[in-house]
Amino acid sequence: MKVLENRNFKFLSASTVDVKKYTFGSRDWIPVRQGFLWKIERGAVRTLTWNQQGTPVTLGLWGAGDVVGAPLTRVEPYKIESLTPVELNLVPFQPWEELFFSLISYVQQSEELIRIIRSDRVPMRLHQFLIWLAEKFGTPVEIGRRIDLRLTHQDIAEFIGTSRVTVTRLIKLFEREGVIVRARRHLILLDTIM
């Protein structure tokens, strides 16, 4: 048995499993295949469904090292959309002992996101979501943490369950209050709140 090197699931590599590499552009729909998982090598994707009114509901945001796919969910419909150009490995889902650790991470991340979207107040929801984005998809900079994943205000609104207009208004408010700054189409979460 191989030793797990870290939480980035290096055990799901071409040397341990029969995988096929794929690339997709930004905003592409990634096929959902029964019996297979997508291991993200580079880039970011979101998993989503729709409610009864046809409104998109984001289930999660996933980056390098994460796995997504039909075997991990009971939600129907279940879609995967690339948010950036992505490189993915298509991995056959088998009951490996090692895969257990990636599934635990998947559940833990889902729980974090559920905690965020269940906040009663929208400003708190957005604030917690920005902190989560900065931790998962951010890079340390001198004044805080730059969020490298570029999401539209509509993407954020769908994720936290509010309107695009509300997200835009709150981001402007957070800027005035010194919670965030904008720098070249990126948001930077200032150190004072991290």
C-alpha atoms as a PDB file:
ATOM      1  CA  MET A   1       0.000   0.000   0.000  1.00  0.00           C
ATOM      2  CA  LYS A   2       1.292   3.473  -0.877  1.00  0.00           C
ATOM      3  CA  VAL A   3       1.588   6.079   1.831  1.00  0.00           C
ATOM      4  CA  LEU A   4      -0.540   9.160   1.300  1.00  0.00           C
ATOM      5  CA  GLU A   5       1.801  12.088   0.731  1.00  0.00           C
ATOM      6  CA  ASN A   6      -0.624  14.847   1.655  1.00  0.00           C
ATOM      7  CA  ARG A   7      -4.210  16.015   1.399  1.00  0.00           C
ATOM      8  CA  ASN A   8      -3.832  16.743  -2.325  1.00  0.00           C
ATOM      9  CA  PHE A   9      -4.496  13.103  -3.201  1.00  0.00           C
ATOM     10  CA  LYS A  10      -1.247  12.370  -5.024  1.00  0.00           C
ATOM     11  CA  PHE A  11      -2.172   8.702  -4.725  1.00  0.00           C
ATOM     12  CA  LEU A  12      -4.712   9.225  -7.528  1.00  0.00           C
ATOM     13  CA  SER A  13      -2.035   9.551 -10.175  1.00  0.00           C
ATOM     14  CA  ALA A  14      -1.211   7.812 -13.419  1.00  0.00           C
ATOM     15  CA  SER A  15       1.271   5.591 -11.589  1.00  0.00           C
ATOM     16  CA  THR A  16      -1.372   4.065  -9.311  1.00  0.00           C
ATOM     17  CA  VAL A  17      -4.539   3.996 -11.406  1.00  0.00           C
ATOM     18  CA  ASP A  18      -5.619   3.834 -15.034  1.00  0.00           C
ATOM     19  CA  VAL A  19      -6.464   7.489 -15.681  1.00  0.00           C
ATOM     20  CA  LYS A  20      -7.192   9.558 -18.773  1.00  0.00           C
ATOM     21  CA  LYS A  21      -6.213  13.249 -18.946  1.00  0.00           C
ATOM     22  CA  TYR A  22      -8.618  15.886 -20.266  1.00  0.00           C
ATOM     23  CA  THR A  23      -8.589  19.658 -20.634  1.00  0.00           C
ATOM     24  CA  PHE A  24     -11.566  21.988 -20.719  1.00  0.00           C
ATOM     25  CA  GLY A  25     -11.865  25.733 -21.234  1.00  0.00           C
ATOM     26  CA  SER A  26     -13.448  28.229 -18.897  1.00  0.00           C
ATOM     27  CA  ARG A  27     -17.243  27.821 -18.521  1.00  0.00           C
ATOM     28  CA  ASP A  28     -17.288  24.419 -20.237  1.00  0.00           C
ATOM     29  CA  TRP A  29     -19.693  21.708 -19.072  1.00  0.00           C
ATOM     30  CA  ILE A  30     -17.722  18.665 -17.946  1.00  0.00           C
ATOM     31  CA  PRO A  31     -19.430  15.350 -18.654  1.00  0.00           C
ATOM     32  CA  VAL A  32     -20.739  13.489 -15.622  1.00  0.00           C
ATOM     33  CA  ARG A  33     -20.029   9.783 -16.037  1.00  0.00           C
ATOM     34  CA  GLN A  34     -21.400   7.069 -13.800  1.00  0.00           C
ATOM     35  CA  GLY A  35     -18.615   5.018 -12.217  1.00  0.00           C
ATOM     36  CA  PHE A  36     -15.939   7.707 -12.706  1.00  0.00           C
ATOM     37  CA  LEU A  37     -14.517  10.628 -10.754  1.00  0.00           C
ATOM     38  CA  TRP A  38     -12.766  13.721 -12.050  1.00  0.00           C
ATOM     39  CA  LYS A  39      -9.524  14.537 -10.207  1.00  0.00           C
ATOM     40  CA  ILE A  40      -8.667  18.203 -10.694  1.00  0.00           C
ATOM     41  CA  GLU A  41      -5.013  18.755 -11.563  1.00  0.00           C
ATOM     42  CA  ARG A  42      -5.211  22.470 -12.392  1.00  0.00           C
ATOM     43  CA  GLY A  43      -7.962  25.077 -12.346  1.00  0.00           C
ATOM     44  CA  ALA A  44     -11.335  25.281 -10.627  1.00  0.00           C
ATOM     45  CA  VAL A  45     -14.818  23.853 -11.185  1.00  0.00           C
ATOM     46  CA  ARG A  46     -18.180  24.174  -9.540  1.00  0.00           C
ATOM     47  CA  THR A  47     -20.756  21.469  -9.027  1.00  0.00           C
ATOM     48  CA  LEU A  48     -24.357  22.558  -9.308  1.00  0.00           C
ATOM     49  CA  THR A  49     -27.982  21.601  -9.600  1.00  0.00           C
ATOM     50  CA  TRP A  50     -31.262  23.504 -10.042  1.00  0.00           C
ATOM     51  CA  ASN A  51     -34.127  24.007  -7.631  1.00  0.00           C
ATOM     52  CA  GLN A  52     -37.806  23.503  -8.498  1.00  0.00           C
ATOM     53  CA  GLN A  53     -38.049  27.021  -9.955  1.00  0.00           C
ATOM     54  CA  GLY A  54     -35.076  26.408 -12.260  1.00  0.00           C
ATOM     55  CA  THR A  55     -32.669  28.590 -10.283  1.00  0.00           C
ATOM     56  CA  PRO A  56     -29.051  27.333 -10.279  1.00  0.00           C
ATOM     57  CA  VAL A  57     -27.819  26.096  -6.879  1.00  0.00           C
ATOM     58  CA  THR A  58     -24.049  25.803  -6.502  1.00  0.00           C
ATOM     59  CA  LEU A  59     -23.158  22.696  -4.504  1.00  0.00           C
ATOM     60  CA  GLY A  60     -19.425  23.313  -4.208  1.00  0.00           C
ATOM     61  CA  LEU A  61     -16.288  24.950  -5.566  1.00  0.00           C
ATOM     62  CA  TRP A  62     -13.361  22.644  -6.183  1.00  0.00           C
ATOM     63  CA  GLY A  63      -9.695  23.150  -7.045  1.00  0.00           C
ATOM     64  CA  ALA A  64      -6.444  21.303  -7.658  1.00  0.00           C
ATOM     65  CA  GLY A  65      -6.314  18.026  -5.750  1.00  0.00           C
ATOM     66  CA  ASP A  66     -10.078  17.730  -5.266  1.00  0.00           C
ATOM     67  CA  VAL A  67     -12.268  15.022  -6.777  1.00  0.00           C
ATOM     68  CA  VAL A  68     -15.823  15.449  -8.091  1.00  0.00           C
ATOM     69  CA  GLY A  69     -18.268  13.222  -9.892  1.00  0.00           C
ATOM     70  CA  ALA A  70     -21.459  11.214  -9.923  1.00  0.00           C
ATOM     71  CA  PRO A  71     -20.329   8.562  -7.398  1.00  0.00           C
ATOM     72  CA  LEU A  72     -20.082  11.281  -4.723  1.00  0.00           C
ATOM     73  CA  THR A  73     -23.650  12.580  -4.914  1.00  0.00           C
ATOM     74  CA  ARG A  74     -27.316  11.642  -4.935  1.00  0.00           C
ATOM     75  CA  VAL A  75     -28.399  15.036  -6.279  1.00  0.00           C
ATOM     76  CA  GLU A  76     -30.257  15.123  -9.617  1.00  0.00           C
ATOM     77  CA  PRO A  77     -29.619  16.923 -11.848  1.00  0.00           C
ATOM     78  CA  TYR A  78     -25.881  17.126 -11.098  1.00  0.00           C
ATOM     79  CA  LYS A  79     -23.620  19.185 -13.353  1.00  0.00           C
ATOM     80  CA  ILE A  80     -19.948  20.157 -13.337  1.00  0.00           C
ATOM     81  CA  GLU A  81     -18.888  23.491 -14.856  1.00  0.00           C
ATOM     82  CA  SER A  82     -15.312  24.701 -15.268  1.00  0.00           C
ATOM     83  CA  LEU A  83     -14.770  28.184 -13.863  1.00  0.00           C
ATOM     84  CA  THR A  84     -11.277  28.462 -15.329  1.00  0.00           C
ATOM     85  CA  PRO A  85      -9.366  26.429 -17.895  1.00  0.00           C
ATOM     86  CA  VAL A  86      -8.913  23.047 -16.186  1.00  0.00           C
ATOM     87  CA  GLU A  87      -6.831  19.905 -16.474  1.00  0.00           C
ATOM     88  CA  LEU A  88      -8.615  16.833 -15.156  1.00  0.00           C
ATOM     89  CA  ASN A  89      -7.930  13.144 -14.805  1.00  0.00           C
ATOM     90  CA  LEU A  90     -10.842  10.770 -15.332  1.00  0.00           C
ATOM     91  CA  VAL A  91     -10.415   8.110 -12.655  1.00  0.00           C
ATOM     92  CA  PRO A  92     -12.467   4.915 -12.472  1.00  0.00           C
ATOM     93  CA  PHE A  93     -14.265   4.797  -9.131  1.00  0.00           C
ATOM     94  CA  GLN A  94     -13.332   1.694  -7.232  1.00  0.00           C
ATOM     95  CA  PRO A  95     -13.626   0.917  -3.536  1.00  0.00           C
ATOM     96  CA  TRP A  96      -9.980   1.677  -2.709  1.00  0.00           C
ATOM     97  CA  GLU A  97      -9.034   2.194   0.872  1.00  0.00           C
ATOM     98  CA  GLU A  98      -7.012   5.249  -0.156  1.00  0.00           C
ATOM     99  CA  LEU A  99      -9.984   6.890  -1.863  1.00  0.00           C
ATOM    100  CA  PHE A 100     -11.647   7.020   1.527  1.00  0.00           C
ATOM    101  CA  PHE A 101      -9.427   9.981   2.504  1.00  0.00           C
ATOM    102  CA  SER A 102     -10.447  12.017  -0.526  1.00  0.00           C
ATOM    103  CA  LEU A 103     -14.099  11.307   0.219  1.00  0.00           C
ATOM    104  CA  ILE A 104     -13.644  12.529   3.777  1.00  0.00           C
ATOM    105  CA  SER A 105     -12.149  15.760   2.441  1.00  0.00           C
ATOM    106  CA  TYR A 106     -15.091  16.125   0.036  1.00  0.00           C
ATOM    107  CA  VAL A 107     -17.570  15.790   2.899  1.00  0.00           C
ATOM    108  CA  GLN A 108     -15.609  18.179   5.127  1.00  0.00           C
ATOM    109  CA  GLN A 109     -15.500  20.838   2.423  1.00  0.00           C
ATOM    110  CA  SER A 110     -19.214  20.397   1.750  1.00  0.00           C
ATOM    111  CA  GLU A 111     -19.927  20.861   5.451  1.00  0.00           C
ATOM    112  CA  GLU A 112     -17.880  24.081   5.515  1.00  0.00           C
ATOM    113  CA  LEU A 113     -19.867  25.441   2.590  1.00  0.00           C
ATOM    114  CA  ILE A 114     -23.213  24.423   4.086  1.00  0.00           C
ATOM    115  CA  ARG A 115     -22.261  26.257   7.284  1.00  0.00           C
ATOM    116  CA  ILE A 116     -21.546  29.388   5.229  1.00  0.00           C
ATOM    117  CA  ILE A 117     -24.741  29.343   3.173  1.00  0.00           C
ATOM    118  CA  ARG A 118     -26.896  28.688   6.239  1.00  0.00           C
ATOM    119  CA  SER A 119     -25.839  31.984   7.872  1.00  0.00           C
ATOM    120  CA  ASP A 120     -28.977  34.010   8.535  1.00  0.00           C
ATOM    121  CA  ARG A 121     -27.676  37.369   7.374  1.00  0.00           C
ATOM    122  CA  VAL A 122     -26.534  37.857   3.777  1.00  0.00           C
ATOM    123  CA  PRO A 123     -23.604  40.165   4.682  1.00  0.00           C
ATOM    124  CA  MET A 124     -22.239  37.475   7.034  1.00  0.00           C
ATOM    125  CA  ARG A 125     -22.776  34.822   4.340  1.00  0.00           C
ATOM    126  CA  LEU A 126     -20.808  36.842   1.796  1.00  0.00           C
ATOM    127  CA  HIS A 127     -18.086  37.673   4.310  1.00  0.00           C
ATOM    128  CA  GLN A 128     -17.628  34.021   5.314  1.00  0.00           C
ATOM    129  CA  PHE A 129     -17.674  32.951   1.665  1.00  0.00           C
ATOM    130  CA  LEU A 130     -14.926  35.451   0.784  1.00  0.00           C
ATOM    131  CA  ILE A 131     -12.815  34.146   3.678  1.00  0.00           C
ATOM    132  CA  TRP A 132     -13.340  30.574   2.456  1.00  0.00           C
ATOM    133  CA  LEU A 133     -12.411  31.573  -1.123  1.00  0.00           C
ATOM    134  CA  ALA A 134      -9.263  33.329   0.118  1.00  0.00           C
ATOM    135  CA  GLU A 135      -8.202  30.252   2.091  1.00  0.00           C
ATOM    136  CA  LYS A 136      -8.966  27.741  -0.686  1.00  0.00           C
ATOM    137  CA  PHE A 137      -8.126  29.724  -3.833  1.00  0.00           C
ATOM    138  CA  GLY A 138      -5.980  32.542  -2.468  1.00  0.00           C
ATOM    139  CA  THR A 139      -2.384  33.678  -2.552  1.00  0.00           C
ATOM    140  CA  PRO A 140      -0.704  35.580   0.290  1.00  0.00           C
ATOM    141  CA  VAL A 141       0.150  39.165  -0.626  1.00  0.00           C
ATOM    142  CA  GLU A 142       1.651  41.951   1.461  1.00  0.00           C
ATOM    143  CA  ILE A 143      -1.674  43.334   2.715  1.00  0.00           C
ATOM    144  CA  GLY A 144      -3.716  40.148   2.980  1.00  0.00           C
ATOM    145  CA  ARG A 145      -4.789  37.307   0.741  1.00  0.00           C
ATOM    146  CA  ARG A 146      -5.649  37.725  -2.961  1.00  0.00           C
ATOM    147  CA  ILE A 147      -8.520  35.560  -4.232  1.00  0.00           C
ATOM    148  CA  ASP A 148      -7.152  34.081  -7.462  1.00  0.00           C
ATOM    149  CA  LEU A 149     -10.405  32.466  -8.569  1.00  0.00           C
ATOM    150  CA  ARG A 150     -12.384  35.050 -10.515  1.00  0.00           C
ATOM    151  CA  LEU A 151     -16.095  34.605  -9.972  1.00  0.00           C
ATOM    152  CA  THR A 152     -18.793  36.867 -11.316  1.00  0.00           C
ATOM    153  CA  HIS A 153     -21.138  38.566  -8.889  1.00  0.00           C
ATOM    154  CA  GLN A 154     -23.840  36.285 -10.331  1.00  0.00           C
ATOM    155  CA  ASP A 155     -21.735  33.180  -9.494  1.00  0.00           C
ATOM    156  CA  ILE A 156     -21.324  34.400  -5.928  1.00  0.00           C
ATOM    157  CA  ALA A 157     -25.019  35.278  -5.647  1.00  0.00           C
ATOM    158  CA  GLU A 158     -26.053  31.802  -6.796  1.00  0.00           C
ATOM    159  CA  PHE A 159     -23.708  30.232  -4.304  1.00  0.00           C
ATOM    160  CA  ILE A 160     -24.814  32.189  -1.234  1.00  0.00           C
ATOM    161  CA  GLY A 161     -28.493  32.399  -2.174  1.00  0.00           C
ATOM    162  CA  THR A 162     -29.021  36.074  -2.890  1.00  0.00           C
ATOM    163  CA  SER A 163     -29.219  38.422  -5.866  1.00  0.00           C
ATOM    164  CA  ARG A 164     -26.385  39.728  -8.018  1.00  0.00           C
ATOM    165  CA  VAL A 165     -27.396  43.280  -7.085  1.00  0.00           C
ATOM    166  CA  THR A 166     -27.047  42.476  -3.373  1.00  0.00           C
ATOM    167  CA  VAL A 167     -23.583  40.963  -3.899  1.00  0.00           C
ATOM    168  CA  THR A 168     -22.446  44.037  -5.852  1.00  0.00           C
ATOM    169  CA  ARG A 169     -23.813  46.382  -3.168  1.00  0.00           C
ATOM    170  CA  LEU A 170     -22.157  44.406  -0.342  1.00  0.00           C
ATOM    171  CA  ILE A 171     -18.791  44.192  -2.111  1.00  0.00           C
ATOM    172  CA  LYS A 172     -18.832  47.991  -2.485  1.00  0.00           C
ATOM    173  CA  LEU A 173     -19.750  48.273   1.212  1.00  0.00           C
ATOM    174  CA  PHE A 174     -16.909  45.893   2.193  1.00  0.00           C
ATOM    175  CA  GLU A 175     -14.516  48.069   0.164  1.00  0.00           C
ATOM    176  CA  ARG A 176     -15.666  51.241   1.960  1.00  0.00           C
ATOM    177  CA  GLU A 177     -15.323  49.489   5.339  1.00  0.00           C
ATOM    178  CA  GLY A 178     -11.772  48.318   4.578  1.00  0.00           C
ATOM    179  CA  VAL A 179     -12.585  44.604   4.565  1.00  0.00           C
ATOM    180  CA  ILE A 180     -11.464  44.098   0.955  1.00  0.00           C
ATOM    181  CA  VAL A 181      -9.656  45.983  -1.793  1.00  0.00           C
ATOM    182  CA  ARG A 182      -9.735  45.464  -5.531  1.00  0.00           C
ATOM    183  CA  ALA A 183      -6.500  44.999  -7.445  1.00  0.00           C
ATOM    184  CA  ARG A 184      -6.490  44.183 -11.162  1.00  0.00           C
ATOM    185  CA  ARG A 185      -9.798  42.310 -11.271  1.00  0.00           C
ATOM    186  CA  HIS A 186      -8.992  40.430  -8.067  1.00  0.00           C
ATOM    187  CA  LEU A 187     -10.336  40.898  -4.574  1.00  0.00           C
ATOM    188  CA  ILE A 188      -7.855  41.042  -1.712  1.00  0.00           C
ATOM    189  CA  LEU A 189      -9.115  40.161   1.737  1.00  0.00           C
ATOM    190  CA  LEU A 190      -7.190  42.377   4.136  1.00  0.00           C
ATOM    191  CA  ASP A 191      -5.178  40.794   6.962  1.00  0.00           C
ATOM    192  CA  THR A 192      -7.274  42.515   9.602  1.00  0.00           C
ATOM    193  CA  ILE A 193     -10.164  40.074   9.069  1.00  0.00           C
ATOM    194  CA  MET A 194      -8.385  36.829   8.207  1.00  0.00           C
END
